[in-house]
Amino acid sequence: MPELSQETERARASALFGLAEVTGPSMVPTLYHGDQLVVQYGARVRPGDVIVLRHPFQQDLLVVKRIAERRDGGWWVRGDNAYAGGDSTDYGTVPDELVLGKVRLRYRPRRPAQRSPLALVRWALSAARPVPRVRSVRSASRRLRAR
């Protein structure tokens, strides 16, 4: 389950936007371990958005998930990696007060092995990307499981 650092939480208290770092595989292939995120705190969220939230059972743990749908009691969230777990199938709906913000942009840091000119060009063209809202979360999860 992607965790976010506590510095993220302190920065959130004083800013509309903040930075976060992803750890864990639950949002692969959208987000990878080590990706840096730009998060808009307090943004309006809808199904399909990637969000930062407090874990319902460990409130000091921040996680990144995709909103699947609205249900009684809050939001049903999922990871893009169906095999990683750690989403609403484990802890149920997430109340509105635990949703902190929407992920707007991901930045993938350069790896040390990316030294060739071609590798550097590929990295430069794909390092920073917006994190779009998926219109149909169910169809996206089926596509991801088929890979």
Protein backbone atom coordinates (compact mmCIF):
# COMPACT_ATOMS: atom_id res chain seq x y z
CA MET A 1 0.00 0.00 0.00
CA PRO A 2 1.56 3.34 -0.95
CA GLU A 3 2.58 5.29 2.13
CA LEU A 4 3.31 8.98 2.17
CA SER A 5 5.80 10.69 4.43
CA GLN A 6 4.83 12.68 7.53
CA GLU A 7 6.41 15.79 5.95
CA THR A 8 3.52 15.61 3.50
CA GLU A 9 1.05 15.93 6.37
CA ARG A 10 2.80 18.94 7.90
CA ALA A 11 2.98 20.70 4.53
CA ARG A 12 -0.71 20.03 3.91
CA ALA A 13 -1.73 22.03 6.95
CA SER A 14 -0.30 25.23 5.48
CA ALA A 15 -0.64 24.85 1.70
CA LEU A 16 -3.17 24.22 -1.02
CA PHE A 17 -0.69 22.04 -2.94
CA GLY A 18 1.89 19.65 -1.56
CA LEU A 19 4.40 16.99 -2.55
CA ALA A 20 4.30 13.31 -1.66
CA GLU A 21 6.34 10.23 -2.45
CA VAL A 22 4.81 6.85 -3.30
CA THR A 23 6.01 3.66 -1.65
CA GLY A 24 4.58 0.28 -2.60
CA PRO A 25 3.06 -1.37 -5.68
CA SER A 26 -0.71 -0.95 -5.22
CA MET A 27 -1.12 1.77 -7.87
CA VAL A 28 1.04 0.16 -10.59
CA PRO A 29 0.93 0.86 -13.58
CA THR A 30 -0.33 4.41 -12.89
CA LEU A 31 2.13 5.14 -10.06
CA TYR A 32 5.34 3.34 -9.17
CA HIS A 33 7.42 3.14 -6.00
CA GLY A 34 9.49 6.33 -5.79
CA ASP A 35 7.17 8.51 -7.89
CA GLN A 36 6.76 12.07 -6.61
CA LEU A 37 3.21 13.45 -6.56
CA VAL A 38 1.74 16.93 -6.61
CA VAL A 39 -1.39 16.82 -4.46
CA GLN A 40 -4.13 19.45 -4.36
CA TYR A 41 -5.46 19.38 -0.80
CA GLY A 42 -9.15 19.99 -0.26
CA ALA A 43 -10.01 19.51 -3.95
CA ARG A 44 -13.41 18.20 -4.99
CA VAL A 45 -13.13 14.49 -5.76
CA ARG A 46 -15.17 12.27 -8.06
CA PRO A 47 -15.13 8.60 -9.05
CA GLY A 48 -12.06 7.85 -11.14
CA ASP A 49 -9.80 10.38 -9.36
CA VAL A 50 -6.54 9.33 -7.70
CA ILE A 51 -6.59 10.63 -4.13
CA VAL A 52 -4.54 10.82 -0.94
CA LEU A 53 -6.37 9.64 2.16
CA ARG A 54 -5.80 8.63 5.75
CA HIS A 55 -5.93 4.88 6.30
CA PRO A 56 -9.22 4.16 8.15
CA PHE A 57 -7.53 1.93 10.77
CA GLN A 58 -4.12 3.66 11.03
CA GLN A 59 -4.84 7.37 10.86
CA ASP A 60 -1.13 8.27 10.89
CA LEU A 61 -0.68 6.33 7.61
CA LEU A 62 -1.41 8.18 4.35
CA VAL A 63 -2.27 6.15 1.25
CA VAL A 64 -2.89 6.76 -2.45
CA LYS A 65 -5.88 5.08 -4.13
CA ARG A 66 -8.37 5.60 -6.96
CA ILE A 67 -12.02 6.34 -6.14
CA ALA A 68 -14.23 3.61 -7.56
CA GLU A 69 -17.65 4.87 -6.46
CA ARG A 70 -19.74 6.64 -3.85
CA ARG A 71 -21.46 4.39 -1.31
CA ASP A 72 -23.33 4.82 1.95
CA GLY A 73 -20.81 6.05 4.48
CA GLY A 74 -18.20 7.34 2.06
CA TRP A 75 -16.01 6.44 -0.90
CA TRP A 76 -15.11 2.98 -2.18
CA VAL A 77 -11.43 3.11 -3.18
CA ARG A 78 -9.21 0.70 -5.10
CA GLY A 79 -5.62 0.35 -6.12
CA ASP A 80 -4.87 0.10 -9.84
CA ASN A 81 -2.92 -3.10 -9.17
CA ALA A 82 -5.63 -5.67 -8.48
CA TYR A 83 -3.14 -8.07 -6.90
CA ALA A 84 -1.63 -5.69 -4.33
CA GLY A 85 -4.66 -5.31 -2.04
CA GLY A 86 -4.86 -2.72 0.72
CA ASP A 87 -8.02 -0.96 -0.49
CA SER A 88 -11.73 -0.85 0.34
CA THR A 89 -12.01 -4.61 -0.08
CA ASP A 90 -9.92 -4.76 3.14
CA TYR A 91 -11.27 -1.79 5.13
CA GLY A 92 -14.62 -0.80 3.61
CA THR A 93 -15.76 2.67 2.65
CA VAL A 94 -13.63 5.72 3.44
CA PRO A 95 -15.48 8.64 5.09
CA ASP A 96 -15.18 12.09 3.50
CA GLU A 97 -13.15 13.45 6.41
CA LEU A 98 -10.33 10.96 5.69
CA VAL A 99 -9.95 12.11 2.06
CA LEU A 100 -7.19 14.73 2.04
CA GLY A 101 -6.75 15.67 -1.61
CA LYS A 102 -6.54 14.84 -5.29
CA VAL A 103 -3.32 13.83 -7.08
CA ARG A 104 -2.76 16.23 -10.00
CA LEU A 105 0.71 15.36 -11.31
CA ARG A 106 3.27 12.60 -10.99
CA TYR A 107 6.99 13.02 -11.47
CA ARG A 108 9.11 9.92 -12.05
CA PRO A 109 12.71 10.53 -10.89
CA ARG A 110 15.56 9.44 -13.16
CA ARG A 111 17.16 6.12 -12.27
CA PRO A 112 20.95 5.86 -12.14
CA ALA A 113 20.90 3.23 -14.92
CA GLN A 114 19.38 5.74 -17.36
CA ARG A 115 22.65 7.09 -18.76
CA SER A 116 22.47 6.66 -22.51
CA PRO A 117 21.24 9.62 -24.56
CA LEU A 118 18.21 7.62 -25.73
CA ALA A 119 17.31 6.65 -22.16
CA LEU A 120 17.63 10.27 -21.03
CA VAL A 121 15.36 11.46 -23.85
CA ARG A 122 12.75 8.81 -23.00
CA TRP A 123 12.88 9.81 -19.34
CA ALA A 124 12.61 13.53 -20.16
CA LEU A 125 9.53 12.92 -22.32
CA SER A 126 7.73 10.85 -19.71
CA ALA A 127 9.02 12.06 -16.31
CA ALA A 128 6.22 14.51 -15.49
CA ARG A 129 2.65 13.61 -16.38
CA PRO A 130 -0.79 14.60 -15.15
CA VAL A 131 -2.69 11.86 -13.32
CA PRO A 132 -6.00 11.74 -15.19
CA ARG A 133 -9.36 10.69 -13.89
CA VAL A 134 -10.47 7.33 -15.30
CA ARG A 135 -14.06 7.46 -16.52
CA SER A 136 -14.88 3.83 -15.86
CA VAL A 137 -12.97 2.39 -12.94
CA ARG A 138 -14.41 -1.08 -13.42
CA SER A 139 -13.29 -1.37 -17.03
CA ALA A 140 -9.86 0.01 -16.15
CA SER A 141 -9.37 -2.60 -13.43
CA ARG A 142 -10.36 -5.39 -15.86
CA ARG A 143 -7.85 -4.10 -18.41
CA LEU A 144 -5.11 -3.95 -15.80
CA ARG A 145 -5.78 -7.51 -14.60
CA ALA A 146 -5.50 -8.82 -18.15
CA ARG A 147 -1.90 -7.61 -18.50
